[in-house]
C-alpha cells in the first residue's frame, strides 16, 4: 500500500532503541529550505519517513540542532486522491559522516506541519 516497512534499529551505545515510531521506505521528492543565514532551497529525495521524522541525503552538511523546512509532495497513488503537498518544520537530529565522494545523510525530527495548496502552475 504506502510503502514497504523497514525494521531498522538505531541504538544508543548501551543498546537502547532510539526510534519511537516505525519508518517506511519512501522515496519522495523533497525540497529542504534553510531559513537561517542566507535562505536556500535544496532539492533531494527522502529515503525513509515516519510519523515523527525523515531521513534524506544532501550534497552539503547541516548542523545538528539546526531548524529546517521540508516540503514533500505525496503522489495520488499514496493519497488515493489528488497529490498532497505538506510543509514540515523540523530539527536536524543526526548528520551521518559520508565516505569520500558520498552524499551526507541527514535525520530530522518533525516538530510541526501544514498542508499546502496545489503546486503553483508555471506560466509557459
PDB file of N, CA and C in Angstrom:
ATOM      1  N   UNK A   1       0.829  -1.186   0.000  1.00  0.00           N
ATOM      2  CA  UNK A   1       0.000   0.000   0.000  1.00  0.00           C
ATOM      3  C   UNK A   1       0.873   1.248   0.000  1.00  0.00           C
ATOM      4  N   UNK A   2       1.195   1.810   1.169  1.00  0.00           N
ATOM      5  CA  UNK A   2       2.006   3.028   1.187  1.00  0.00           C
ATOM      6  C   UNK A   2       3.431   2.731   0.736  1.00  0.00           C
ATOM      7  N   UNK A   3       4.114   1.958   1.471  1.00  0.00           N
ATOM      8  CA  UNK A   3       5.493   1.596   1.138  1.00  0.00           C
ATOM      9  C   UNK A   3       5.887   0.415   2.003  1.00  0.00           C
ATOM     10  N   UNK A   4       6.919  -0.253   1.578  1.00  0.00           N
ATOM     11  CA  UNK A   4       7.365  -1.402   2.358  1.00  0.00           C
ATOM     12  C   UNK A   4       7.973  -0.921   3.668  1.00  0.00           C
ATOM     13  N   UNK A   5       7.561  -1.504   4.754  1.00  0.00           N
ATOM     14  CA  UNK A   5       8.013  -1.106   6.081  1.00  0.00           C
ATOM     15  C   UNK A   5       9.444  -1.582   6.318  1.00  0.00           C
ATOM     16  N   UNK A   6      10.259  -0.690   6.912  1.00  0.00           N
ATOM     17  CA  UNK A   6      11.616  -1.064   7.264  1.00  0.00           C
ATOM     18  C   UNK A   6      11.691  -1.311   8.753  1.00  0.00           C
ATOM     19  N   UNK A   7      12.391  -2.338   9.143  1.00  0.00           N
ATOM     20  CA  UNK A   7      12.585  -2.607  10.559  1.00  0.00           C
ATOM     21  C   UNK A   7      14.067  -2.445  10.873  1.00  0.00           C
ATOM     22  N   UNK A   8      14.517  -1.177  10.872  1.00  0.00           N
ATOM     23  CA  UNK A   8      15.905  -0.871  11.155  1.00  0.00           C
ATOM     24  C   UNK A   8      16.033  -0.507  12.614  1.00  0.00           C
ATOM     25  N   UNK A   9      17.182  -0.728  13.180  1.00  0.00           N
ATOM     26  CA  UNK A   9      17.371  -0.382  14.583  1.00  0.00           C
ATOM     27  C   UNK A   9      18.571   0.523  14.720  1.00  0.00           C
ATOM     28  N   UNK A  10      18.327   1.754  15.151  1.00  0.00           N
ATOM     29  CA  UNK A  10      19.403   2.648  15.562  1.00  0.00           C
ATOM     30  C   UNK A  10      19.458   2.535  17.065  1.00  0.00           C
ATOM     31  N   UNK A  11      20.599   2.275  17.585  1.00  0.00           N
ATOM     32  CA  UNK A  11      20.704   2.036  19.020  1.00  0.00           C
ATOM     33  C   UNK A  11      21.703   2.987  19.650  1.00  0.00           C
ATOM     34  N   UNK A  12      21.428   3.348  20.889  1.00  0.00           N
ATOM     35  CA  UNK A  12      22.375   4.074  21.709  1.00  0.00           C
ATOM     36  C   UNK A  12      23.514   3.119  22.000  1.00  0.00           C
ATOM     37  N   UNK A  13      24.655   3.631  22.434  1.00  0.00           N
ATOM     38  CA  UNK A  13      25.764   2.712  22.757  1.00  0.00           C
ATOM     39  C   UNK A  13      25.375   1.642  23.768  1.00  0.00           C
ATOM     40  N   UNK A  14      24.450   1.935  24.677  1.00  0.00           N
ATOM     41  CA  UNK A  14      24.034   0.955  25.674  1.00  0.00           C
ATOM     42  C   UNK A  14      23.053  -0.062  25.099  1.00  0.00           C
ATOM     43  N   UNK A  15      22.678   0.067  23.820  1.00  0.00           N
ATOM     44  CA  UNK A  15      21.769  -0.874  23.200  1.00  0.00           C
ATOM     45  C   UNK A  15      20.312  -0.472  23.280  1.00  0.00           C
ATOM     46  N   UNK A  16      20.025   0.735  23.757  1.00  0.00           N
ATOM     47  CA  UNK A  16      18.635   1.194  23.883  1.00  0.00           C
ATOM     48  C   UNK A  16      18.138   1.720  22.537  1.00  0.00           C
ATOM     49  N   UNK A  17      16.942   1.322  22.131  1.00  0.00           N
ATOM     50  CA  UNK A  17      16.335   1.766  20.885  1.00  0.00           C
ATOM     51  C   UNK A  17      16.081   3.261  20.928  1.00  0.00           C
ATOM     52  N   UNK A  18      16.487   3.987  19.870  1.00  0.00           N
ATOM     53  CA  UNK A  18      16.303   5.438  19.811  1.00  0.00           C
ATOM     54  C   UNK A  18      15.013   5.823  19.115  1.00  0.00           C
ATOM     55  N   UNK A  19      14.537   5.016  18.197  1.00  0.00           N
ATOM     56  CA  UNK A  19      13.348   5.375  17.429  1.00  0.00           C
ATOM     57  C   UNK A  19      12.092   5.020  18.199  1.00  0.00           C
ATOM     58  N   UNK A  20      11.118   5.943  18.132  1.00  0.00           N
ATOM     59  CA  UNK A  20       9.855   5.682  18.812  1.00  0.00           C
ATOM     60  C   UNK A  20       8.757   5.312  17.821  1.00  0.00           C
ATOM     61  N   UNK A  21       8.987   5.512  16.533  1.00  0.00           N
ATOM     62  CA  UNK A  21       7.999   5.196  15.501  1.00  0.00           C
ATOM     63  C   UNK A  21       8.667   4.362  14.410  1.00  0.00           C
ATOM     64  N   UNK A  22       7.893   3.504  13.781  1.00  0.00           N
ATOM     65  CA  UNK A  22       8.420   2.713  12.667  1.00  0.00           C
ATOM     66  C   UNK A  22       8.630   3.607  11.458  1.00  0.00           C
ATOM     67  N   UNK A  23       9.669   3.294  10.710  1.00  0.00           N
ATOM     68  CA  UNK A  23       9.980   4.056   9.499  1.00  0.00           C
ATOM     69  C   UNK A  23       9.535   3.260   8.276  1.00  0.00           C
ATOM     70  N   UNK A  24       9.161   4.013   7.238  1.00  0.00           N
ATOM     71  CA  UNK A  24       8.721   3.414   5.990  1.00  0.00           C
ATOM     72  C   UNK A  24       9.651   3.859   4.874  1.00  0.00           C
ATOM     73  N   UNK A  25      10.067   2.912   4.063  1.00  0.00           N
ATOM     74  CA  UNK A  25      10.921   3.193   2.919  1.00  0.00           C
ATOM     75  C   UNK A  25      10.089   3.963   1.902  1.00  0.00           C
ATOM     76  N   UNK A  26      10.304   5.278   1.813  1.00  0.00           N
ATOM     77  CA  UNK A  26       9.531   6.129   0.897  1.00  0.00           C
ATOM     78  C   UNK A  26      10.469   7.057   0.170  1.00  0.00           C
ATOM     79  N   UNK A  27      10.488   6.932  -1.132  1.00  0.00           N
ATOM     80  CA  UNK A  27      11.273   7.835  -1.971  1.00  0.00           C
ATOM     81  C   UNK A  27      10.332   8.915  -2.487  1.00  0.00           C
ATOM     82  N   UNK A  28      10.368  10.077  -1.830  1.00  0.00           N
ATOM     83  CA  UNK A  28       9.522  11.198  -2.211  1.00  0.00           C
ATOM     84  C   UNK A  28      10.395  12.398  -2.533  1.00  0.00           C
ATOM     85  N   UNK A  29      10.055  13.115  -3.600  1.00  0.00           N
ATOM     86  CA  UNK A  29      10.767  14.343  -3.903  1.00  0.00           C
ATOM     87  C   UNK A  29      10.573  15.317  -2.755  1.00  0.00           C
ATOM     88  N   UNK A  30      11.651  15.966  -2.338  1.00  0.00           N
ATOM     89  CA  UNK A  30      11.595  16.882  -1.205  1.00  0.00           C
ATOM     90  C   UNK A  30      12.377  18.142  -1.531  1.00  0.00           C
ATOM     91  N   UNK A  31      11.941  19.237  -0.936  1.00  0.00           N
ATOM     92  CA  UNK A  31      12.655  20.498  -1.026  1.00  0.00           C
ATOM     93  C   UNK A  31      12.989  20.912   0.401  1.00  0.00           C
ATOM     94  N   UNK A  32      14.283  21.032   0.685  1.00  0.00           N
ATOM     95  CA  UNK A  32      14.753  21.412   2.020  1.00  0.00           C
ATOM     96  C   UNK A  32      15.026  22.910   1.994  1.00  0.00           C
ATOM     97  N   UNK A  33      14.341  23.637   2.861  1.00  0.00           N
ATOM     98  CA  UNK A  33      14.534  25.089   2.948  1.00  0.00           C
ATOM     99  C   UNK A  33      15.319  25.391   4.209  1.00  0.00           C
ATOM    100  N   UNK A  34      16.439  26.102   4.029  1.00  0.00           N
ATOM    101  CA  UNK A  34      17.281  26.501   5.152  1.00  0.00           C
ATOM    102  C   UNK A  34      16.986  27.970   5.453  1.00  0.00           C
ATOM    103  N   UNK A  35      16.188  28.248   6.481  1.00  0.00           N
ATOM    104  CA  UNK A  35      15.763  29.623   6.725  1.00  0.00           C
ATOM    105  C   UNK A  35      16.815  30.514   7.372  1.00  0.00           C
ATOM    106  N   UNK A  36      17.815  29.946   8.045  1.00  0.00           N
ATOM    107  CA  UNK A  36      18.795  30.772   8.745  1.00  0.00           C
ATOM    108  C   UNK A  36      19.909  31.198   7.798  1.00  0.00           C
ATOM    109  N   UNK A  37      20.538  32.314   8.135  1.00  0.00           N
ATOM    110  CA  UNK A  37      21.614  32.836   7.292  1.00  0.00           C
ATOM    111  C   UNK A  37      21.041  33.266   5.960  1.00  0.00           C
ATOM    112  N   UNK A  38      21.728  32.932   4.886  1.00  0.00           N
ATOM    113  CA  UNK A  38      21.229  33.208   3.540  1.00  0.00           C
ATOM    114  C   UNK A  38      20.256  32.083   3.180  1.00  0.00           C
ATOM    115  N   UNK A  39      18.944  32.378   3.093  1.00  0.00           N
ATOM    116  CA  UNK A  39      17.974  31.315   2.812  1.00  0.00           C
ATOM    117  C   UNK A  39      18.315  30.553   1.529  1.00  0.00           C
ATOM    118  N   UNK A  40      18.202  29.233   1.594  1.00  0.00           N
ATOM    119  CA  UNK A  40      18.495  28.368   0.452  1.00  0.00           C
ATOM    120  C   UNK A  40      17.447  27.274   0.356  1.00  0.00           C
ATOM    121  N   UNK A  41      17.183  26.815  -0.873  1.00  0.00           N
ATOM    122  CA  UNK A  41      16.317  25.670  -1.112  1.00  0.00           C
ATOM    123  C   UNK A  41      17.159  24.582  -1.777  1.00  0.00           C
ATOM    124  N   UNK A  42      17.164  23.398  -1.169  1.00  0.00           N
ATOM    125  CA  UNK A  42      17.972  22.285  -1.658  1.00  0.00           C
ATOM    126  C   UNK A  42      17.067  21.124  -2.050  1.00  0.00           C
ATOM    127  N   UNK A  43      17.039  20.743  -3.325  1.00  0.00           N
ATOM    128  CA  UNK A  43      16.222  19.591  -3.720  1.00  0.00           C
ATOM    129  C   UNK A  43      16.876  18.280  -3.311  1.00  0.00           C
ATOM    130  N   UNK A  44      16.058  17.306  -2.928  1.00  0.00           N
ATOM    131  CA  UNK A  44      16.557  15.981  -2.555  1.00  0.00           C
ATOM    132  C   UNK A  44      15.417  14.983  -2.681  1.00  0.00           C
ATOM    133  N   UNK A  45      15.617  13.798  -2.142  1.00  0.00           N
ATOM    134  CA  UNK A  45      14.607  12.747  -2.121  1.00  0.00           C
ATOM    135  C   UNK A  45      14.698  12.064  -0.763  1.00  0.00           C
ATOM    136  N   UNK A  46      13.563  11.820  -0.136  1.00  0.00           N
ATOM    137  CA  UNK A  46      13.590  11.125   1.148  1.00  0.00           C
ATOM    138  C   UNK A  46      14.011   9.672   0.926  1.00  0.00           C
ATOM    139  N   UNK A  47      14.602   9.094   1.964  1.00  0.00           N
ATOM    140  CA  UNK A  47      14.940   7.670   1.959  1.00  0.00           C
ATOM    141  C   UNK A  47      13.941   6.895   2.804  1.00  0.00           C
ATOM    142  N   UNK A  48      13.584   7.478   3.951  1.00  0.00           N
ATOM    143  CA  UNK A  48      12.534   6.880   4.772  1.00  0.00           C
ATOM    144  C   UNK A  48      11.841   7.974   5.567  1.00  0.00           C
ATOM    145  N   UNK A  49      10.602   7.668   5.955  1.00  0.00           N
ATOM    146  CA  UNK A  49       9.738   8.638   6.623  1.00  0.00           C
ATOM    147  C   UNK A  49       8.971   7.917   7.724  1.00  0.00           C
ATOM    148  N   UNK A  50       8.774   8.597   8.854  1.00  0.00           N
ATOM    149  CA  UNK A  50       7.897   8.089   9.905  1.00  0.00           C
ATOM    150  C   UNK A  50       6.954   9.218  10.299  1.00  0.00           C
ATOM    151  N   UNK A  51       6.084   8.966  11.247  1.00  0.00           N
ATOM    152  CA  UNK A  51       5.162   9.995  11.706  1.00  0.00           C
ATOM    153  C   UNK A  51       5.893  11.129  12.405  1.00  0.00           C
ATOM    154  N   UNK A  52       7.110  10.880  12.867  1.00  0.00           N
ATOM    155  CA  UNK A  52       7.841  11.900  13.629  1.00  0.00           C
ATOM    156  C   UNK A  52       9.155  12.340  13.005  1.00  0.00           C
ATOM    157  N   UNK A  53       9.538  11.752  11.880  1.00  0.00           N
ATOM    158  CA  UNK A  53      10.819  12.151  11.319  1.00  0.00           C
ATOM    159  C   UNK A  53      11.031  11.663   9.905  1.00  0.00           C
ATOM    160  N   UNK A  54      12.175  12.047   9.338  1.00  0.00           N
ATOM    161  CA  UNK A  54      12.521  11.626   7.990  1.00  0.00           C
ATOM    162  C   UNK A  54      14.030  11.615   7.839  1.00  0.00           C
ATOM    163  N   UNK A  55      14.473  10.883   6.811  1.00  0.00           N
ATOM    164  CA  UNK A  55      15.894  10.760   6.521  1.00  0.00           C
ATOM    165  C   UNK A  55      16.093  11.016   5.042  1.00  0.00           C
ATOM    166  N   UNK A  56      17.122  11.809   4.713  1.00  0.00           N
ATOM    167  CA  UNK A  56      17.403  12.162   3.323  1.00  0.00           C
ATOM    168  C   UNK A  56      18.906  12.426   3.185  1.00  0.00           C
ATOM    169  N   UNK A  57      19.356  12.552   1.935  1.00  0.00           N
ATOM    170  CA  UNK A  57      20.760  12.849   1.655  1.00  0.00           C
ATOM    171  C   UNK A  57      20.874  14.233   1.012  1.00  0.00           C
ATOM    172  N   UNK A  58      21.965  14.941   1.359  1.00  0.00           N
ATOM    173  CA  UNK A  58      22.270  16.240   0.754  1.00  0.00           C
ATOM    174  C   UNK A  58      23.723  16.239   0.299  1.00  0.00           C
ATOM    175  N   UNK A  59      24.053  17.211  -0.540  1.00  0.00           N
ATOM    176  CA  UNK A  59      25.427  17.369  -1.004  1.00  0.00           C
ATOM    177  C   UNK A  59      26.246  18.260  -0.082  1.00  0.00           C
ATOM    178  N   UNK A  60      25.605  18.815   0.928  1.00  0.00           N
ATOM    179  CA  UNK A  60      26.312  19.687   1.870  1.00  0.00           C
ATOM    180  C   UNK A  60      25.888  19.348   3.291  1.00  0.00           C
ATOM    181  N   UNK A  61      26.762  19.601   4.255  1.00  0.00           N
ATOM    182  CA  UNK A  61      26.428  19.266   5.643  1.00  0.00           C
ATOM    183  C   UNK A  61      25.458  20.272   6.260  1.00  0.00           C
ATOM    184  N   UNK A  62      24.690  19.805   7.220  1.00  0.00           N
ATOM    185  CA  UNK A  62      23.862  20.658   8.063  1.00  0.00           C
ATOM    186  C   UNK A  62      24.340  20.446   9.494  1.00  0.00           C
ATOM    187  N   UNK A  63      24.076  21.408  10.349  1.00  0.00           N
ATOM    188  CA  UNK A  63      24.469  21.289  11.749  1.00  0.00           C
ATOM    189  C   UNK A  63      23.373  20.618  12.549  1.00  0.00           C
ATOM    190  N   UNK A  64      23.765  19.690  13.431  1.00  0.00           N
ATOM    191  CA  UNK A  64      22.785  19.103  14.339  1.00  0.00           C
ATOM    192  C   UNK A  64      22.140  20.224  15.144  1.00  0.00           C
ATOM    193  N   UNK A  65      20.819  20.142  15.303  1.00  0.00           N
ATOM    194  CA  UNK A  65      20.080  21.160  16.029  1.00  0.00           C
ATOM    195  C   UNK A  65      19.548  22.271  15.150  1.00  0.00           C
ATOM    196  N   UNK A  66      20.015  22.354  13.891  1.00  0.00           N
ATOM    197  CA  UNK A  66      19.528  23.427  13.026  1.00  0.00           C
ATOM    198  C   UNK A  66      18.081  23.181  12.620  1.00  0.00           C
ATOM    199  N   UNK A  67      17.369  24.258  12.428  1.00  0.00           N
ATOM    200  CA  UNK A  67      15.957  24.209  12.025  1.00  0.00           C
ATOM    201  C   UNK A  67      15.876  24.283  10.510  1.00  0.00           C
ATOM    202  N   UNK A  68      15.015  23.423   9.946  1.00  0.00           N
ATOM    203  CA  UNK A  68      14.811  23.386   8.502  1.00  0.00           C
ATOM    204  C   UNK A  68      13.320  23.278   8.213  1.00  0.00           C
ATOM    205  N   UNK A  69      12.949  23.565   6.975  1.00  0.00           N
ATOM    206  CA  UNK A  69      11.604  23.289   6.490  1.00  0.00           C
ATOM    207  C   UNK A  69      11.724  22.287   5.357  1.00  0.00           C
ATOM    208  N   UNK A  70      10.848  21.308   5.347  1.00  0.00           N
ATOM    209  CA  UNK A  70      10.860  20.263   4.327  1.00  0.00           C
ATOM    210  C   UNK A  70       9.486  20.233   3.677  1.00  0.00           C
ATOM    211  N   UNK A  71       9.449  20.402   2.352  1.00  0.00           N
ATOM    212  CA  UNK A  71       8.191  20.307   1.625  1.00  0.00           C
ATOM    213  C   UNK A  71       8.189  19.009   0.835  1.00  0.00           C
ATOM    214  N   UNK A  72       7.188  18.164   1.102  1.00  0.00           N
ATOM    215  CA  UNK A  72       7.017  16.888   0.405  1.00  0.00           C
ATOM    216  C   UNK A  72       5.733  16.926  -0.392  1.00  0.00           C
ATOM    217  N   UNK A  73       5.728  16.243  -1.520  1.00  0.00           N
ATOM    218  CA  UNK A  73       4.506  16.059  -2.298  1.00  0.00           C
ATOM    219  C   UNK A  73       4.189  14.568  -2.300  1.00  0.00           C
ATOM    220  N   UNK A  74       3.062  14.216  -1.684  1.00  0.00           N
ATOM    221  CA  UNK A  74       2.601  12.834  -1.673  1.00  0.00           C
ATOM    222  C   UNK A  74       1.795  12.606  -2.942  1.00  0.00           C
ATOM    223  N   UNK A  75       2.189  11.639  -3.791  1.00  0.00           N
ATOM    224  CA  UNK A  75       1.521  11.420  -5.076  1.00  0.00           C
ATOM    225  C   UNK A  75       0.149  10.765  -4.915  1.00  0.00           C
ATOM    226  N   UNK A  76      -0.681  10.851  -5.973  1.00  0.00           N
ATOM    227  CA  UNK A  76      -2.038  10.295  -5.913  1.00  0.00           C
ATOM    228  C   UNK A  76      -2.105   8.824  -5.514  1.00  0.00           C
ATOM    229  N   UNK A  77      -1.130   8.006  -5.915  1.00  0.00           N
ATOM    230  CA  UNK A  77      -1.211   6.583  -5.560  1.00  0.00           C
ATOM    231  C   UNK A  77      -1.030   6.359  -4.058  1.00  0.00           C
ATOM    232  N   UNK A  78      -0.521   7.362  -3.339  1.00  0.00           N
ATOM    233  CA  UNK A  78      -0.400   7.245  -1.882  1.00  0.00           C
ATOM    234  C   UNK A  78      -1.595   7.859  -1.165  1.00  0.00           C
ATOM    235  N   UNK A  79      -2.132   8.934  -1.713  1.00  0.00           N
ATOM    236  CA  UNK A  79      -3.240   9.633  -1.056  1.00  0.00           C
ATOM    237  C   UNK A  79      -4.602   9.096  -1.492  1.00  0.00           C
ATOM    238  N   UNK A  80      -4.619   8.350  -2.610  1.00  0.00           N
ATOM    239  CA  UNK A  80      -5.847   7.827  -3.216  1.00  0.00           C
ATOM    240  C   UNK A  80      -6.793   8.955  -3.641  1.00  0.00           C
ATOM    241  N   UNK A  81      -6.223  10.122  -3.875  1.00  0.00           N
ATOM    242  CA  UNK A  81      -6.939  11.283  -4.400  1.00  0.00           C
ATOM    243  C   UNK A  81      -5.901  12.134  -5.130  1.00  0.00           C
ATOM    244  N   UNK A  82      -5.999  13.444  -5.070  1.00  0.00           N
ATOM    245  CA  UNK A  82      -5.025  14.313  -5.719  1.00  0.00           C
ATOM    246  C   UNK A  82      -3.709  14.312  -4.943  1.00  0.00           C
ATOM    247  N   UNK A  83      -2.652  14.810  -5.599  1.00  0.00           N
ATOM    248  CA  UNK A  83      -1.374  14.980  -4.905  1.00  0.00           C
ATOM    249  C   UNK A  83      -1.577  15.905  -3.716  1.00  0.00           C
ATOM    250  N   UNK A  84      -0.806  15.668  -2.677  1.00  0.00           N
ATOM    251  CA  UNK A  84      -0.923  16.452  -1.450  1.00  0.00           C
ATOM    252  C   UNK A  84       0.450  16.980  -1.072  1.00  0.00           C
ATOM    253  N   UNK A  85       0.551  18.313  -0.951  1.00  0.00           N
ATOM    254  CA  UNK A  85       1.812  18.926  -0.525  1.00  0.00           C
ATOM    255  C   UNK A  85       1.726  19.263   0.957  1.00  0.00           C
ATOM    256  N   UNK A  86       2.801  18.921   1.675  1.00  0.00           N
ATOM    257  CA  UNK A  86       2.865  19.179   3.109  1.00  0.00           C
ATOM    258  C   UNK A  86       4.232  19.809   3.413  1.00  0.00           C
ATOM    259  N   UNK A  87       4.211  20.880   4.208  1.00  0.00           N
ATOM    260  CA  UNK A  87       5.459  21.510   4.655  1.00  0.00           C
ATOM    261  C   UNK A  87       5.656  21.174   6.124  1.00  0.00           C
ATOM    262  N   UNK A  88       6.838  20.641   6.434  1.00  0.00           N
ATOM    263  CA  UNK A  88       7.186  20.248   7.794  1.00  0.00           C
ATOM    264  C   UNK A  88       8.227  21.206   8.363  1.00  0.00           C
ATOM    265  N   UNK A  89       8.019  21.649   9.588  1.00  0.00           N
ATOM    266  CA  UNK A  89       9.066  22.329  10.344  1.00  0.00           C
ATOM    267  C   UNK A  89       9.798  21.218  11.081  1.00  0.00           C
ATOM    268  N   UNK A  90      11.112  21.172  10.936  1.00  0.00           N
ATOM    269  CA  UNK A  90      11.873  20.061  11.500  1.00  0.00           C
ATOM    270  C   UNK A  90      13.189  20.554  12.092  1.00  0.00           C
ATOM    271  N   UNK A  91      13.787  19.689  12.891  1.00  0.00           N
ATOM    272  CA  UNK A  91      15.077  19.964  13.524  1.00  0.00           C
ATOM    273  C   UNK A  91      16.018  18.808  13.193  1.00  0.00           C
ATOM    274  N   UNK A  92      17.213  19.137  12.743  1.00  0.00           N
ATOM    275  CA  UNK A  92      18.219  18.126  12.403  1.00  0.00           C
ATOM    276  C   UNK A  92      18.695  17.474  13.699  1.00  0.00           C
ATOM    277  N   UNK A  93      18.564  16.144  13.771  1.00  0.00           N
ATOM    278  CA  UNK A  93      18.968  15.420  14.981  1.00  0.00           C
ATOM    279  C   UNK A  93      20.195  14.534  14.758  1.00  0.00           C
ATOM    280  N   UNK A  94      20.533  14.272  13.493  1.00  0.00           N
ATOM    281  CA  UNK A  94      21.721  13.457  13.213  1.00  0.00           C
ATOM    282  C   UNK A  94      22.241  13.787  11.827  1.00  0.00           C
ATOM    283  N   UNK A  95      23.565  13.856  11.709  1.00  0.00           N
ATOM    284  CA  UNK A  95      24.213  14.051  10.414  1.00  0.00           C
ATOM    285  C   UNK A  95      25.249  12.944  10.280  1.00  0.00           C
ATOM    286  N   UNK A  96      25.064  12.075   9.280  1.00  0.00           N
ATOM    287  CA  UNK A  96      25.993  10.964   9.065  1.00  0.00           C
ATOM    288  C   UNK A  96      27.216  11.451   8.315  1.00  0.00           C
ATOM    289  N   UNK A  97      28.379  11.045   8.770  1.00  0.00           N
ATOM    290  CA  UNK A  97      29.613  11.392   8.078  1.00  0.00           C
ATOM    291  C   UNK A  97      29.758  10.494   6.860  1.00  0.00           C
ATOM    292  N   UNK A  98      29.868  11.075   5.672  1.00  0.00           N
ATOM    293  CA  UNK A  98      29.919  10.262   4.456  1.00  0.00           C
ATOM    294  C   UNK A  98      31.313   9.718   4.175  1.00  0.00           C
ATOM    295  N   UNK A  99      31.347   8.714   3.326  1.00  0.00           N
ATOM    296  CA  UNK A  99      32.610   8.269   2.767  1.00  0.00           C
ATOM    297  C   UNK A  99      33.031   9.310   1.732  1.00  0.00           C
ATOM    298  N   UNK A 100      34.294   9.403   1.389  1.00  0.00           N
ATOM    299  CA  UNK A 100      34.708  10.387   0.373  1.00  0.00           C
ATOM    300  C   UNK A 100      33.894  10.224  -0.912  1.00  0.00           C
ATOM    301  N   UNK A 101      33.398  11.338  -1.420  1.00  0.00           N
ATOM    302  CA  UNK A 101      32.614  11.317  -2.655  1.00  0.00           C
ATOM    303  C   UNK A 101      31.157  10.955  -2.474  1.00  0.00           C
ATOM    304  N   UNK A 102      30.723  10.733  -1.236  1.00  0.00           N
ATOM    305  CA  UNK A 102      29.337  10.347  -0.972  1.00  0.00           C
ATOM    306  C   UNK A 102      28.531  11.544  -0.486  1.00  0.00           C
ATOM    307  N   UNK A 103      27.229  11.422  -0.590  1.00  0.00           N
ATOM    308  CA  UNK A 103      26.338  12.441  -0.068  1.00  0.00           C
ATOM    309  C   UNK A 103      26.218  12.276   1.447  1.00  0.00           C
ATOM    310  N   UNK A 104      25.715  13.319   2.112  1.00  0.00           N
ATOM    311  CA  UNK A 104      25.634  13.352   3.566  1.00  0.00           C
ATOM    312  C   UNK A 104      24.218  12.992   4.009  1.00  0.00           C
ATOM    313  N   UNK A 105      24.093  11.992   4.875  1.00  0.00           N
ATOM    314  CA  UNK A 105      22.793  11.574   5.391  1.00  0.00           C
ATOM    315  C   UNK A 105      22.350  12.492   6.518  1.00  0.00           C
ATOM    316  N   UNK A 106      21.067  12.885   6.470  1.00  0.00           N
ATOM    317  CA  UNK A 106      20.514  13.788   7.476  1.00  0.00           C
ATOM    318  C   UNK A 106      19.221  13.196   8.023  1.00  0.00           C
ATOM    319  N   UNK A 107      19.128  13.104   9.352  1.00  0.00           N
ATOM    320  CA  UNK A 107      17.897  12.681  10.021  1.00  0.00           C
ATOM    321  C   UNK A 107      17.296  13.917  10.681  1.00  0.00           C
ATOM    322  N   UNK A 108      15.991  14.124  10.489  1.00  0.00           N
ATOM    323  CA  UNK A 108      15.322  15.295  11.053  1.00  0.00           C
ATOM    324  C   UNK A 108      14.065  14.874  11.792  1.00  0.00           C
ATOM    325  N   UNK A 109      13.825  15.532  12.914  1.00  0.00           N
ATOM    326  CA  UNK A 109      12.645  15.306  13.740  1.00  0.00           C
ATOM    327  C   UNK A 109      11.570  16.317  13.343  1.00  0.00           C
ATOM    328  N   UNK A 110      10.383  15.840  12.993  1.00  0.00           N
ATOM    329  CA  UNK A 110       9.279  16.720  12.609  1.00  0.00           C
ATOM    330  C   UNK A 110       8.691  17.345  13.863  1.00  0.00           C
ATOM    331  N   UNK A 111       8.618  18.680  13.878  1.00  0.00           N
ATOM    332  CA  UNK A 111       8.072  19.395  15.023  1.00  0.00           C
ATOM    333  C   UNK A 111       6.702  19.994  14.744  1.00  0.00           C
ATOM    334  N   UNK A 112       6.402  20.281  13.494  1.00  0.00           N
ATOM    335  CA  UNK A 112       5.113  20.860  13.117  1.00  0.00           C
ATOM    336  C   UNK A 112       4.920  20.632  11.620  1.00  0.00           C
ATOM    337  N   UNK A 113       3.693  20.798  11.142  1.00  0.00           N
ATOM    338  CA  UNK A 113       3.432  20.640   9.706  1.00  0.00           C
ATOM    339  C   UNK A 113       2.222  21.467   9.311  1.00  0.00           C
ATOM    340  N   UNK A 114       2.133  21.729   8.002  1.00  0.00           N
ATOM    341  CA  UNK A 114       0.949  22.388   7.457  1.00  0.00           C
ATOM    342  C   UNK A 114       0.698  21.848   6.061  1.00  0.00           C
ATOM    343  N   UNK A 115      -0.569  21.723   5.735  1.00  0.00           N
ATOM    344  CA  UNK A 115      -0.967  21.290   4.405  1.00  0.00           C
ATOM    345  C   UNK A 115      -0.951  22.496   3.489  1.00  0.00           C
ATOM    346  N   UNK A 116      -0.410  22.327   2.296  1.00  0.00           N
ATOM    347  CA  UNK A 116      -0.316  23.409   1.323  1.00  0.00           C
ATOM    348  C   UNK A 116      -1.301  23.168   0.201  1.00  0.00           C
ATOM    349  N   UNK A 117      -1.599  24.212  -0.528  1.00  0.00           N
ATOM    350  CA  UNK A 117      -2.478  24.087  -1.692  1.00  0.00           C
ATOM    351  C   UNK A 117      -1.768  23.365  -2.821  1.00  0.00           C
ATOM    352  N   UNK A 118      -2.454  23.222  -3.958  1.00  0.00           N
ATOM    353  CA  UNK A 118      -1.836  22.567  -5.104  1.00  0.00           C
ATOM    354  C   UNK A 118      -0.577  23.297  -5.532  1.00  0.00           C
ATOM    355  N   UNK A 119       0.331  22.571  -6.156  1.00  0.00           N
ATOM    356  CA  UNK A 119       1.578  23.160  -6.629  1.00  0.00           C
ATOM    357  C   UNK A 119       1.244  24.246  -7.632  1.00  0.00           C
ATOM    358  N   UNK A 120       1.852  25.448  -7.497  1.00  0.00           N
ATOM    359  CA  UNK A 120       1.546  26.532  -8.428  1.00  0.00           C
ATOM    360  C   UNK A 120       1.950  26.154  -9.855  1.00  0.00           C
ATOM    361  N   UNK A 121       1.112  26.532 -10.794  1.00  0.00           N
ATOM    362  CA  UNK A 121       1.385  26.275 -12.213  1.00  0.00           C
ATOM    363  C   UNK A 121       2.402  27.311 -12.687  1.00  0.00           C
ATOM    364  N   UNK A 122       3.334  26.893 -13.534  1.00  0.00           N
ATOM    365  CA  UNK A 122       4.325  27.792 -14.095  1.00  0.00           C
ATOM    366  C   UNK A 122       3.842  28.198 -15.467  1.00  0.00           C
ATOM    367  N   UNK A 123       3.730  29.515 -15.681  1.00  0.00           N
ATOM    368  CA  UNK A 123       3.283  30.022 -16.986  1.00  0.00           C
ATOM    369  C   UNK A 123       4.386  29.770 -18.013  1.00  0.00           C
ATOM    370  N   UNK A 124       3.984  29.325 -19.182  1.00  0.00           N
ATOM    371  CA  UNK A 124       4.991  28.996 -20.179  1.00  0.00           C
ATOM    372  C   UNK A 124       4.698  29.662 -21.392  1.00  0.00           C
TER     373      UNK A 124
END
